[in-house]
């Protein structure tokens, strides 16, 4: 049996990773490969650090979806891949890559993962995690300052000029492609249990 592929989308800092962790905990399996769409941002080695800082990371054209599609096809066919690793401190890919082997469950999470039709067509289930804008902004502000070394002003400027408008233009509309929408501002046990049931049925069939 080919691996089961889930795509998990939602606005920046909506809690995608937290929801995925909850799903896997309830499913009770470690046979899972999690891929961050962020690692497939385009290589920007030819650009200066100053120009890289101005990249609109919330636009579909900032991502190397052709490479991701190729890698997902390989994983679904039982092949290993060399996944790029993106460094948000230098706003560029690292020279090193990560060798990944397929597992029974493959989860790809990212704000724009449901935007690409070819990638959507590979998936067994599309999930959209929803959270109100204010809460997402507060979470993003804290994350970018603590984990990515960003200043308060730079985070706010980026949010106003690109993050918020791109969310409403490109990310939020992908909700219509979701099979399951998870509201992350209140209890979402029913949605999570639905996904867990699908995973357990698959693992049971696989034996």
N, C-alpha and C. Protein backbone atom coordinates (compact mmCIF):
# COMPACT_ATOMS: atom_id res chain seq x y z
N UNK A 1 0.83 -1.20 0.00
CA UNK A 1 0.00 0.00 0.00
C UNK A 1 0.87 1.25 0.00
N UNK A 2 0.45 2.22 -0.80
CA UNK A 2 1.20 3.47 -0.83
C UNK A 2 0.91 4.25 0.46
N UNK A 3 1.83 5.13 0.85
CA UNK A 3 1.60 5.92 2.06
C UNK A 3 0.34 6.77 1.96
N UNK A 4 -0.21 7.13 3.12
CA UNK A 4 -1.37 8.01 3.21
C UNK A 4 -0.85 9.44 3.33
N UNK A 5 -1.28 10.31 2.41
CA UNK A 5 -0.77 11.68 2.37
C UNK A 5 -1.82 12.68 2.84
N UNK A 6 -1.45 13.47 3.86
CA UNK A 6 -2.30 14.53 4.37
C UNK A 6 -1.65 15.88 4.09
N UNK A 7 -2.44 16.86 3.68
CA UNK A 7 -1.96 18.23 3.53
C UNK A 7 -2.66 19.08 4.59
N UNK A 8 -1.88 19.85 5.34
CA UNK A 8 -2.43 20.66 6.43
C UNK A 8 -2.10 22.13 6.18
N UNK A 9 -3.14 22.94 5.91
CA UNK A 9 -2.97 24.36 5.61
C UNK A 9 -3.61 25.21 6.69
N UNK A 10 -3.48 26.53 6.53
CA UNK A 10 -4.05 27.48 7.48
C UNK A 10 -3.15 28.69 7.55
N UNK A 11 -3.65 29.78 8.07
CA UNK A 11 -2.87 31.00 8.16
C UNK A 11 -1.64 30.84 9.03
N UNK A 12 -0.71 31.77 8.89
CA UNK A 12 0.51 31.76 9.69
C UNK A 12 0.17 31.77 11.18
N UNK A 13 0.78 30.84 11.94
CA UNK A 13 0.58 30.74 13.39
C UNK A 13 -0.85 30.36 13.77
N UNK A 14 -1.52 29.61 12.91
CA UNK A 14 -2.88 29.17 13.22
C UNK A 14 -2.89 27.93 14.12
N UNK A 15 -1.72 27.31 14.28
CA UNK A 15 -1.63 26.13 15.14
C UNK A 15 -1.61 24.83 14.38
N UNK A 16 -1.11 24.86 13.15
CA UNK A 16 -1.08 23.65 12.31
C UNK A 16 -0.25 22.53 12.97
N UNK A 17 0.94 22.89 13.44
CA UNK A 17 1.82 21.88 14.05
C UNK A 17 1.22 21.29 15.32
N UNK A 18 0.55 22.12 16.10
CA UNK A 18 -0.08 21.65 17.33
C UNK A 18 -1.20 20.67 17.02
N UNK A 19 -2.00 20.99 16.01
CA UNK A 19 -3.10 20.10 15.62
C UNK A 19 -2.55 18.78 15.10
N UNK A 20 -1.50 18.84 14.31
CA UNK A 20 -0.88 17.61 13.78
C UNK A 20 -0.39 16.74 14.93
N UNK A 21 0.25 17.35 15.93
CA UNK A 21 0.75 16.59 17.09
C UNK A 21 -0.40 15.91 17.83
N UNK A 22 -1.52 16.62 17.95
CA UNK A 22 -2.69 16.06 18.63
C UNK A 22 -3.24 14.87 17.85
N UNK A 23 -3.29 14.99 16.54
CA UNK A 23 -3.78 13.90 15.69
C UNK A 23 -2.91 12.65 15.85
N UNK A 24 -1.60 12.86 15.80
CA UNK A 24 -0.68 11.72 15.88
C UNK A 24 -0.70 11.07 17.25
N UNK A 25 -0.85 11.89 18.29
CA UNK A 25 -0.92 11.35 19.64
C UNK A 25 -2.15 10.46 19.79
N UNK A 26 -3.27 10.91 19.27
CA UNK A 26 -4.50 10.12 19.37
C UNK A 26 -4.45 8.89 18.47
N UNK A 27 -3.75 9.01 17.34
CA UNK A 27 -3.66 7.88 16.41
C UNK A 27 -2.72 6.80 16.95
N UNK A 28 -1.81 7.21 17.82
CA UNK A 28 -0.91 6.25 18.45
C UNK A 28 0.07 5.60 17.50
N UNK A 29 0.64 6.37 16.58
CA UNK A 29 1.62 5.83 15.65
C UNK A 29 2.83 6.74 15.52
N UNK A 30 3.99 6.11 15.35
CA UNK A 30 5.22 6.87 15.08
C UNK A 30 5.67 6.70 13.63
N UNK A 31 4.89 5.94 12.88
CA UNK A 31 5.25 5.68 11.48
C UNK A 31 4.79 6.84 10.60
N UNK A 32 5.32 8.04 10.92
CA UNK A 32 4.86 9.27 10.30
C UNK A 32 6.04 10.12 9.84
N UNK A 33 5.92 10.69 8.66
CA UNK A 33 6.90 11.63 8.13
C UNK A 33 6.23 12.99 7.99
N UNK A 34 6.77 13.99 8.68
CA UNK A 34 6.22 15.34 8.61
C UNK A 34 7.16 16.24 7.81
N UNK A 35 6.62 16.89 6.81
CA UNK A 35 7.40 17.78 5.94
C UNK A 35 6.85 19.19 6.05
N UNK A 36 7.73 20.16 6.24
CA UNK A 36 7.34 21.57 6.29
C UNK A 36 7.44 22.16 4.88
N UNK A 37 6.33 22.72 4.40
CA UNK A 37 6.34 23.38 3.10
C UNK A 37 7.37 24.51 3.08
N UNK A 38 7.62 25.11 4.26
CA UNK A 38 8.60 26.20 4.38
C UNK A 38 9.97 25.82 3.83
N UNK A 39 10.33 24.56 3.97
CA UNK A 39 11.66 24.15 3.50
C UNK A 39 11.79 24.21 1.98
N UNK A 40 10.68 24.39 1.31
CA UNK A 40 10.70 24.46 -0.15
C UNK A 40 10.61 25.88 -0.69
N UNK A 41 10.91 26.87 0.16
CA UNK A 41 11.05 28.22 -0.37
C UNK A 41 12.23 28.22 -1.33
N UNK A 42 12.12 29.01 -2.38
CA UNK A 42 13.14 29.03 -3.43
C UNK A 42 14.51 29.43 -2.91
N UNK A 43 15.54 28.86 -3.50
CA UNK A 43 16.91 29.25 -3.16
C UNK A 43 17.14 30.70 -3.58
N UNK A 44 17.78 31.48 -2.69
CA UNK A 44 18.00 32.89 -2.95
C UNK A 44 19.48 33.27 -2.84
N UNK A 45 20.34 32.31 -3.16
CA UNK A 45 21.78 32.51 -2.99
C UNK A 45 22.32 33.66 -3.83
N UNK A 46 21.67 33.93 -4.96
CA UNK A 46 22.17 34.99 -5.85
C UNK A 46 21.77 36.38 -5.36
N UNK A 47 20.95 36.44 -4.31
CA UNK A 47 20.47 37.73 -3.81
C UNK A 47 21.24 38.14 -2.55
N UNK A 48 21.34 39.44 -2.33
CA UNK A 48 21.97 39.95 -1.12
C UNK A 48 21.04 39.69 0.07
N UNK A 49 21.61 39.72 1.28
CA UNK A 49 20.81 39.50 2.48
C UNK A 49 19.72 40.56 2.61
N UNK A 50 20.03 41.77 2.18
CA UNK A 50 19.07 42.88 2.24
C UNK A 50 17.88 42.61 1.32
N UNK A 51 18.16 42.10 0.11
CA UNK A 51 17.08 41.80 -0.84
C UNK A 51 16.26 40.60 -0.37
N UNK A 52 16.94 39.62 0.22
CA UNK A 52 16.23 38.43 0.71
C UNK A 52 15.21 38.81 1.78
N UNK A 53 15.57 39.78 2.61
CA UNK A 53 14.69 40.20 3.71
C UNK A 53 13.38 40.78 3.19
N UNK A 54 13.37 41.17 1.92
CA UNK A 54 12.17 41.77 1.33
C UNK A 54 11.30 40.75 0.59
N UNK A 55 11.72 39.48 0.61
CA UNK A 55 10.97 38.44 -0.08
C UNK A 55 9.56 38.30 0.51
N UNK A 56 8.59 38.17 -0.37
CA UNK A 56 7.21 37.96 0.06
C UNK A 56 6.99 36.45 0.21
N UNK A 57 7.16 35.97 1.44
CA UNK A 57 7.05 34.54 1.71
C UNK A 57 5.61 34.04 1.75
N UNK A 58 4.66 34.93 1.60
CA UNK A 58 3.26 34.55 1.63
C UNK A 58 2.63 34.51 0.24
N UNK A 59 3.47 34.58 -0.79
CA UNK A 59 3.01 34.50 -2.18
C UNK A 59 3.35 33.12 -2.74
N UNK A 60 2.46 32.49 -3.48
CA UNK A 60 2.73 31.15 -4.03
C UNK A 60 4.02 31.06 -4.84
N UNK A 61 4.40 32.14 -5.51
CA UNK A 61 5.60 32.11 -6.36
C UNK A 61 6.90 32.05 -5.56
N UNK A 62 6.82 32.18 -4.23
CA UNK A 62 8.03 32.10 -3.41
C UNK A 62 8.44 30.66 -3.14
N UNK A 63 7.59 29.70 -3.54
CA UNK A 63 7.80 28.29 -3.22
C UNK A 63 8.17 27.45 -4.44
N UNK A 64 9.03 26.48 -4.22
CA UNK A 64 9.46 25.56 -5.29
C UNK A 64 8.53 24.35 -5.28
N UNK A 65 7.32 24.56 -5.77
CA UNK A 65 6.32 23.48 -5.74
C UNK A 65 6.62 22.36 -6.72
N UNK A 66 7.36 22.67 -7.77
CA UNK A 66 7.75 21.61 -8.71
C UNK A 66 8.63 20.58 -8.01
N UNK A 67 9.58 21.06 -7.20
CA UNK A 67 10.46 20.15 -6.47
C UNK A 67 9.67 19.38 -5.42
N UNK A 68 8.77 20.05 -4.71
CA UNK A 68 7.97 19.36 -3.70
C UNK A 68 7.10 18.29 -4.34
N UNK A 69 6.47 18.62 -5.46
CA UNK A 69 5.64 17.64 -6.15
C UNK A 69 6.47 16.41 -6.55
N UNK A 70 7.66 16.66 -7.08
CA UNK A 70 8.55 15.57 -7.47
C UNK A 70 8.92 14.72 -6.26
N UNK A 71 9.23 15.37 -5.15
CA UNK A 71 9.61 14.64 -3.94
C UNK A 71 8.45 13.83 -3.38
N UNK A 72 7.25 14.38 -3.41
CA UNK A 72 6.09 13.65 -2.90
C UNK A 72 5.79 12.43 -3.77
N UNK A 73 5.94 12.59 -5.07
CA UNK A 73 5.75 11.45 -5.98
C UNK A 73 6.75 10.34 -5.64
N UNK A 74 8.00 10.73 -5.40
CA UNK A 74 9.03 9.75 -5.06
C UNK A 74 8.70 9.03 -3.75
N UNK A 75 8.30 9.80 -2.74
CA UNK A 75 7.96 9.19 -1.44
C UNK A 75 6.78 8.24 -1.57
N UNK A 76 5.77 8.64 -2.33
CA UNK A 76 4.59 7.79 -2.52
C UNK A 76 4.93 6.52 -3.30
N UNK A 77 6.03 6.57 -4.06
CA UNK A 77 6.49 5.40 -4.81
C UNK A 77 7.51 4.59 -4.03
N UNK A 78 7.72 4.96 -2.76
CA UNK A 78 8.63 4.20 -1.91
C UNK A 78 10.08 4.59 -2.02
N UNK A 79 10.37 5.74 -2.61
CA UNK A 79 11.75 6.19 -2.79
C UNK A 79 12.14 7.23 -1.75
N UNK A 80 13.45 7.33 -1.48
CA UNK A 80 13.95 8.35 -0.56
C UNK A 80 14.18 9.67 -1.31
N UNK A 81 14.22 10.76 -0.55
CA UNK A 81 14.46 12.07 -1.16
C UNK A 81 15.52 12.83 -0.39
N UNK A 82 16.07 13.86 -1.01
CA UNK A 82 16.99 14.79 -0.34
C UNK A 82 16.24 16.12 -0.22
N UNK A 83 15.64 16.33 0.95
CA UNK A 83 14.81 17.52 1.17
C UNK A 83 15.67 18.74 1.49
N UNK A 84 15.37 19.88 0.87
CA UNK A 84 16.08 21.10 1.24
C UNK A 84 15.74 21.52 2.67
N UNK A 85 16.60 22.35 3.26
CA UNK A 85 16.37 22.88 4.61
C UNK A 85 16.46 24.40 4.52
N UNK A 86 15.40 25.08 4.94
CA UNK A 86 15.39 26.54 4.84
C UNK A 86 15.74 27.18 6.18
N UNK A 87 16.57 28.22 6.13
CA UNK A 87 17.03 28.93 7.32
C UNK A 87 16.45 30.34 7.30
N UNK A 88 15.54 30.64 8.21
CA UNK A 88 14.88 31.95 8.22
C UNK A 88 15.75 33.05 8.84
N UNK A 89 16.88 32.67 9.41
CA UNK A 89 17.79 33.69 9.94
C UNK A 89 18.55 34.35 8.79
N UNK A 90 18.95 33.53 7.81
CA UNK A 90 19.67 34.06 6.64
C UNK A 90 18.74 34.20 5.43
N UNK A 91 17.47 33.83 5.60
CA UNK A 91 16.49 33.89 4.51
C UNK A 91 16.97 33.16 3.26
N UNK A 92 17.41 31.95 3.46
CA UNK A 92 17.89 31.16 2.33
C UNK A 92 17.98 29.68 2.72
N UNK A 93 18.10 28.84 1.70
CA UNK A 93 18.31 27.41 1.95
C UNK A 93 19.71 27.19 2.50
N UNK A 94 19.83 26.19 3.36
CA UNK A 94 21.14 25.76 3.82
C UNK A 94 21.81 24.93 2.73
N UNK A 95 23.10 24.82 2.80
CA UNK A 95 23.81 23.99 1.81
C UNK A 95 23.47 22.53 2.02
N UNK A 96 23.27 22.13 3.26
CA UNK A 96 22.96 20.73 3.57
C UNK A 96 21.51 20.41 3.22
N UNK A 97 21.26 19.13 2.96
CA UNK A 97 19.89 18.64 2.73
C UNK A 97 19.61 17.54 3.75
N UNK A 98 18.37 17.10 3.80
CA UNK A 98 17.97 16.06 4.75
C UNK A 98 17.44 14.85 3.98
N UNK A 99 18.04 13.70 4.22
CA UNK A 99 17.62 12.47 3.54
C UNK A 99 16.40 11.90 4.27
N UNK A 100 15.29 11.76 3.53
CA UNK A 100 14.05 11.27 4.12
C UNK A 100 13.57 10.02 3.39
N UNK A 101 13.16 9.04 4.16
CA UNK A 101 12.57 7.82 3.61
C UNK A 101 11.06 7.86 3.85
N UNK A 102 10.30 7.22 2.97
CA UNK A 102 8.83 7.24 3.14
C UNK A 102 8.39 6.48 4.38
N UNK A 103 7.27 6.92 4.95
CA UNK A 103 6.64 6.22 6.06
C UNK A 103 5.17 6.03 5.73
N UNK A 104 4.47 5.28 6.57
CA UNK A 104 3.07 4.96 6.27
C UNK A 104 2.20 6.21 6.14
N UNK A 105 2.46 7.19 7.01
CA UNK A 105 1.71 8.44 7.01
C UNK A 105 2.66 9.58 6.65
N UNK A 106 2.30 10.36 5.64
CA UNK A 106 3.09 11.53 5.26
C UNK A 106 2.22 12.76 5.44
N UNK A 107 2.71 13.72 6.20
CA UNK A 107 1.97 14.96 6.44
C UNK A 107 2.80 16.14 5.96
N UNK A 108 2.22 16.95 5.08
CA UNK A 108 2.89 18.18 4.63
C UNK A 108 2.08 19.35 5.15
N UNK A 109 2.74 20.24 5.90
CA UNK A 109 2.02 21.38 6.45
C UNK A 109 2.64 22.69 5.99
N UNK A 110 1.78 23.67 5.72
CA UNK A 110 2.25 24.96 5.26
C UNK A 110 1.08 25.86 4.92
N UNK A 111 1.31 27.16 4.97
CA UNK A 111 0.22 28.11 4.75
C UNK A 111 -0.39 27.99 3.36
N UNK A 112 0.43 27.63 2.37
CA UNK A 112 -0.03 27.62 0.98
C UNK A 112 -0.09 26.22 0.37
N UNK A 113 -0.07 25.19 1.21
CA UNK A 113 0.03 23.83 0.68
C UNK A 113 -1.21 23.41 -0.10
N UNK A 114 -2.35 24.04 0.14
CA UNK A 114 -3.56 23.69 -0.62
C UNK A 114 -3.75 24.56 -1.85
N UNK A 115 -2.80 25.47 -2.11
CA UNK A 115 -2.94 26.39 -3.24
C UNK A 115 -2.60 25.71 -4.57
N UNK A 116 -1.71 24.72 -4.52
CA UNK A 116 -1.22 24.08 -5.74
C UNK A 116 -2.07 22.86 -6.10
N UNK A 117 -2.69 22.91 -7.27
CA UNK A 117 -3.62 21.83 -7.66
C UNK A 117 -2.92 20.49 -7.83
N UNK A 118 -1.75 20.47 -8.43
CA UNK A 118 -1.02 19.21 -8.65
C UNK A 118 -0.70 18.51 -7.34
N UNK A 119 -0.29 19.30 -6.35
CA UNK A 119 0.01 18.72 -5.04
C UNK A 119 -1.26 18.25 -4.36
N UNK A 120 -2.33 19.05 -4.46
CA UNK A 120 -3.63 18.64 -3.88
C UNK A 120 -4.08 17.30 -4.43
N UNK A 121 -3.86 17.10 -5.71
CA UNK A 121 -4.33 15.87 -6.36
C UNK A 121 -3.62 14.61 -5.84
N UNK A 122 -2.48 14.79 -5.22
CA UNK A 122 -1.74 13.64 -4.67
C UNK A 122 -2.28 13.22 -3.30
N UNK A 123 -2.99 14.12 -2.64
CA UNK A 123 -3.36 13.92 -1.24
C UNK A 123 -4.57 13.02 -1.04
N UNK A 124 -4.59 12.34 0.10
CA UNK A 124 -5.75 11.54 0.50
C UNK A 124 -6.73 12.38 1.32
N UNK A 125 -6.20 13.40 2.00
CA UNK A 125 -7.08 14.29 2.78
C UNK A 125 -6.43 15.67 2.91
N UNK A 126 -7.25 16.70 2.67
CA UNK A 126 -6.80 18.09 2.84
C UNK A 126 -7.44 18.67 4.09
N UNK A 127 -6.61 19.29 4.93
CA UNK A 127 -7.06 19.82 6.22
C UNK A 127 -6.74 21.31 6.29
N UNK A 128 -7.68 22.09 6.80
CA UNK A 128 -7.45 23.53 6.97
C UNK A 128 -7.69 23.88 8.44
N UNK A 129 -6.66 24.47 9.07
CA UNK A 129 -6.74 24.87 10.48
C UNK A 129 -7.07 26.36 10.53
N UNK A 130 -8.15 26.69 11.23
CA UNK A 130 -8.66 28.06 11.24
C UNK A 130 -8.52 28.70 12.62
N UNK A 131 -8.05 29.95 12.63
CA UNK A 131 -7.91 30.72 13.86
C UNK A 131 -8.05 32.20 13.54
N UNK A 132 -8.61 32.98 14.47
CA UNK A 132 -8.86 34.39 14.18
C UNK A 132 -7.55 35.17 13.97
N UNK A 133 -7.63 36.25 13.20
CA UNK A 133 -6.46 37.02 12.78
C UNK A 133 -5.67 37.58 13.96
N UNK A 134 -6.34 38.11 14.95
CA UNK A 134 -5.64 38.74 16.08
C UNK A 134 -4.77 37.74 16.83
N UNK A 135 -5.32 36.57 17.11
CA UNK A 135 -4.57 35.55 17.84
C UNK A 135 -3.39 35.07 17.02
N UNK A 136 -3.59 34.90 15.72
CA UNK A 136 -2.49 34.47 14.86
C UNK A 136 -1.37 35.50 14.83
N UNK A 137 -1.73 36.79 14.77
CA UNK A 137 -0.70 37.84 14.75
C UNK A 137 0.13 37.83 16.03
N UNK A 138 -0.53 37.69 17.19
CA UNK A 138 0.19 37.67 18.46
C UNK A 138 1.15 36.48 18.52
N UNK A 139 0.68 35.33 18.07
CA UNK A 139 1.53 34.13 18.06
C UNK A 139 2.72 34.32 17.12
N UNK A 140 2.46 34.89 15.94
CA UNK A 140 3.52 35.09 14.95
C UNK A 140 4.56 36.08 15.48
N UNK A 141 4.10 37.15 16.11
CA UNK A 141 5.00 38.16 16.67
C UNK A 141 5.96 37.53 17.67
N UNK A 142 5.42 36.74 18.57
CA UNK A 142 6.25 36.08 19.58
C UNK A 142 7.23 35.09 18.94
N UNK A 143 6.74 34.29 17.99
CA UNK A 143 7.60 33.29 17.33
C UNK A 143 8.74 33.94 16.57
N UNK A 144 8.44 34.95 15.75
CA UNK A 144 9.46 35.55 14.90
C UNK A 144 10.53 36.29 15.71
N UNK A 145 10.13 36.86 16.83
CA UNK A 145 11.10 37.56 17.66
C UNK A 145 11.96 36.58 18.46
N UNK A 146 11.35 35.51 18.97
CA UNK A 146 12.08 34.56 19.81
C UNK A 146 12.88 33.54 19.01
N UNK A 147 12.30 33.06 17.90
CA UNK A 147 12.93 31.96 17.17
C UNK A 147 13.70 32.40 15.93
N UNK A 148 13.34 33.55 15.36
CA UNK A 148 13.95 33.97 14.10
C UNK A 148 14.73 35.28 14.21
N UNK A 149 14.90 35.77 15.43
CA UNK A 149 15.73 36.94 15.66
C UNK A 149 15.22 38.22 15.03
N UNK A 150 13.92 38.32 14.84
CA UNK A 150 13.35 39.49 14.18
C UNK A 150 13.05 40.60 15.18
N UNK A 151 13.07 41.84 14.71
CA UNK A 151 12.71 42.97 15.56
C UNK A 151 11.20 43.16 15.55
N UNK A 152 10.69 43.87 16.58
CA UNK A 152 9.26 44.14 16.67
C UNK A 152 8.76 44.89 15.44
N UNK A 153 9.48 45.93 15.03
CA UNK A 153 9.07 46.75 13.89
C UNK A 153 9.04 45.95 12.59
N UNK A 154 10.04 45.10 12.41
CA UNK A 154 10.10 44.32 11.15
C UNK A 154 8.95 43.33 11.06
N UNK A 155 8.57 42.72 12.18
CA UNK A 155 7.46 41.76 12.18
C UNK A 155 6.15 42.47 11.87
N UNK A 156 5.95 43.63 12.50
CA UNK A 156 4.72 44.38 12.28
C UNK A 156 4.62 44.87 10.84
N UNK A 157 5.74 45.40 10.32
CA UNK A 157 5.76 45.90 8.94
C UNK A 157 5.45 44.79 7.95
N UNK A 158 6.09 43.63 8.16
CA UNK A 158 5.85 42.50 7.25
C UNK A 158 4.40 42.04 7.32
N UNK A 159 3.85 42.02 8.53
CA UNK A 159 2.47 41.57 8.69
C UNK A 159 1.49 42.48 7.94
N UNK A 160 1.70 43.78 8.07
CA UNK A 160 0.79 44.74 7.45
C UNK A 160 0.93 44.77 5.94
N UNK A 161 2.17 44.68 5.44
CA UNK A 161 2.41 44.84 4.00
C UNK A 161 2.22 43.56 3.20
N UNK A 162 2.54 42.41 3.78
CA UNK A 162 2.43 41.17 3.00
C UNK A 162 1.60 40.07 3.66
N UNK A 163 1.86 39.78 4.93
CA UNK A 163 1.22 38.62 5.57
C UNK A 163 -0.31 38.71 5.56
N UNK A 164 -0.85 39.82 6.04
CA UNK A 164 -2.30 39.97 6.12
C UNK A 164 -2.95 40.01 4.73
N UNK A 165 -2.47 40.88 3.80
CA UNK A 165 -3.12 40.90 2.48
C UNK A 165 -2.98 39.59 1.71
N UNK A 166 -1.83 38.91 1.83
CA UNK A 166 -1.63 37.64 1.13
C UNK A 166 -2.51 36.54 1.71
N UNK A 167 -2.75 36.62 3.02
CA UNK A 167 -3.63 35.63 3.65
C UNK A 167 -5.02 35.70 3.02
N UNK A 168 -5.55 36.91 2.89
CA UNK A 168 -6.90 37.05 2.35
C UNK A 168 -6.95 36.81 0.84
N UNK A 169 -5.83 37.02 0.17
CA UNK A 169 -5.80 36.83 -1.29
C UNK A 169 -5.54 35.38 -1.69
N UNK A 170 -4.60 34.73 -1.00
CA UNK A 170 -4.17 33.40 -1.45
C UNK A 170 -4.46 32.25 -0.49
N UNK A 171 -4.36 32.50 0.81
CA UNK A 171 -4.42 31.41 1.78
C UNK A 171 -5.85 31.07 2.19
N UNK A 172 -6.58 32.07 2.67
CA UNK A 172 -7.95 31.82 3.11
C UNK A 172 -8.82 31.18 2.01
N UNK A 173 -8.70 31.59 0.73
CA UNK A 173 -9.52 30.96 -0.32
C UNK A 173 -9.28 29.46 -0.50
N UNK A 174 -8.09 28.96 -0.04
CA UNK A 174 -7.82 27.53 -0.21
C UNK A 174 -8.66 26.67 0.73
N UNK A 175 -9.34 27.32 1.65
CA UNK A 175 -10.21 26.58 2.59
C UNK A 175 -11.25 25.77 1.83
N UNK A 176 -11.62 26.24 0.66
CA UNK A 176 -12.66 25.53 -0.12
C UNK A 176 -12.17 24.18 -0.63
N UNK A 177 -10.85 23.98 -0.62
CA UNK A 177 -10.29 22.71 -1.08
C UNK A 177 -10.15 21.69 0.06
N UNK A 178 -10.46 22.12 1.29
CA UNK A 178 -10.27 21.24 2.45
C UNK A 178 -11.41 20.24 2.59
N UNK A 179 -11.04 19.02 2.93
CA UNK A 179 -12.03 18.00 3.26
C UNK A 179 -12.49 18.16 4.71
N UNK A 180 -11.58 18.67 5.55
CA UNK A 180 -11.88 18.89 6.97
C UNK A 180 -11.38 20.27 7.37
N UNK A 181 -12.22 21.05 8.04
CA UNK A 181 -11.82 22.35 8.57
C UNK A 181 -11.83 22.26 10.09
N UNK A 182 -10.67 22.60 10.69
CA UNK A 182 -10.52 22.48 12.14
C UNK A 182 -10.49 23.86 12.77
N UNK A 183 -11.50 24.22 13.56
CA UNK A 183 -11.50 25.51 14.27
C UNK A 183 -10.60 25.42 15.49
N UNK A 184 -9.49 26.14 15.48
CA UNK A 184 -8.49 25.98 16.54
C UNK A 184 -8.70 26.93 17.71
N UNK A 185 -9.83 27.65 17.73
CA UNK A 185 -10.12 28.55 18.85
C UNK A 185 -11.14 27.95 19.82
N UNK A 186 -11.51 26.70 19.56
CA UNK A 186 -12.44 26.01 20.47
C UNK A 186 -12.23 24.50 20.28
N UNK A 187 -13.00 23.72 20.98
CA UNK A 187 -12.84 22.27 20.90
C UNK A 187 -13.00 21.77 19.47
N UNK A 188 -12.09 20.91 19.06
CA UNK A 188 -12.17 20.37 17.70
C UNK A 188 -12.03 18.85 17.72
N UNK A 189 -12.54 18.22 18.78
CA UNK A 189 -12.40 16.78 18.94
C UNK A 189 -13.02 15.99 17.81
N UNK A 190 -14.19 16.43 17.32
CA UNK A 190 -14.88 15.67 16.28
C UNK A 190 -14.05 15.63 15.00
N UNK A 191 -13.50 16.79 14.60
CA UNK A 191 -12.68 16.85 13.39
C UNK A 191 -11.43 16.01 13.53
N UNK A 192 -10.77 16.12 14.68
CA UNK A 192 -9.55 15.34 14.92
C UNK A 192 -9.85 13.85 14.93
N UNK A 193 -10.94 13.46 15.59
CA UNK A 193 -11.30 12.04 15.66
C UNK A 193 -11.61 11.47 14.28
N UNK A 194 -12.17 12.29 13.39
CA UNK A 194 -12.45 11.85 12.02
C UNK A 194 -11.15 11.49 11.30
N UNK A 195 -10.14 12.34 11.47
CA UNK A 195 -8.85 12.10 10.83
C UNK A 195 -8.15 10.90 11.46
N UNK A 196 -8.22 10.80 12.78
CA UNK A 196 -7.60 9.68 13.49
C UNK A 196 -8.21 8.36 13.05
N UNK A 197 -9.53 8.34 12.86
CA UNK A 197 -10.22 7.13 12.40
C UNK A 197 -9.69 6.69 11.04
N UNK A 198 -9.49 7.64 10.14
CA UNK A 198 -8.97 7.32 8.80
C UNK A 198 -7.57 6.72 8.89
N UNK A 199 -6.74 7.29 9.77
CA UNK A 199 -5.37 6.79 9.95
C UNK A 199 -5.39 5.38 10.50
N UNK A 200 -6.22 5.14 11.52
CA UNK A 200 -6.27 3.81 12.15
C UNK A 200 -6.80 2.77 11.17
N UNK A 201 -7.79 3.14 10.36
CA UNK A 201 -8.32 2.19 9.36
C UNK A 201 -7.24 1.82 8.36
N UNK A 202 -6.47 2.82 7.94
CA UNK A 202 -5.39 2.58 6.97
C UNK A 202 -4.34 1.65 7.56
N UNK A 203 -3.91 1.95 8.80
CA UNK A 203 -2.87 1.13 9.44
C UNK A 203 -3.36 -0.28 9.67
N UNK A 204 -4.65 -0.42 9.99
CA UNK A 204 -5.22 -1.75 10.20
C UNK A 204 -5.22 -2.57 8.91
N UNK A 205 -5.59 -1.92 7.80
CA UNK A 205 -5.59 -2.58 6.48
C UNK A 205 -4.17 -2.96 6.06
N UNK A 206 -3.22 -2.09 6.43
CA UNK A 206 -1.83 -2.36 6.05
C UNK A 206 -1.28 -3.52 6.84
N UNK A 207 -1.85 -3.72 8.03
CA UNK A 207 -1.45 -4.87 8.84
C UNK A 207 -0.18 -4.64 9.61
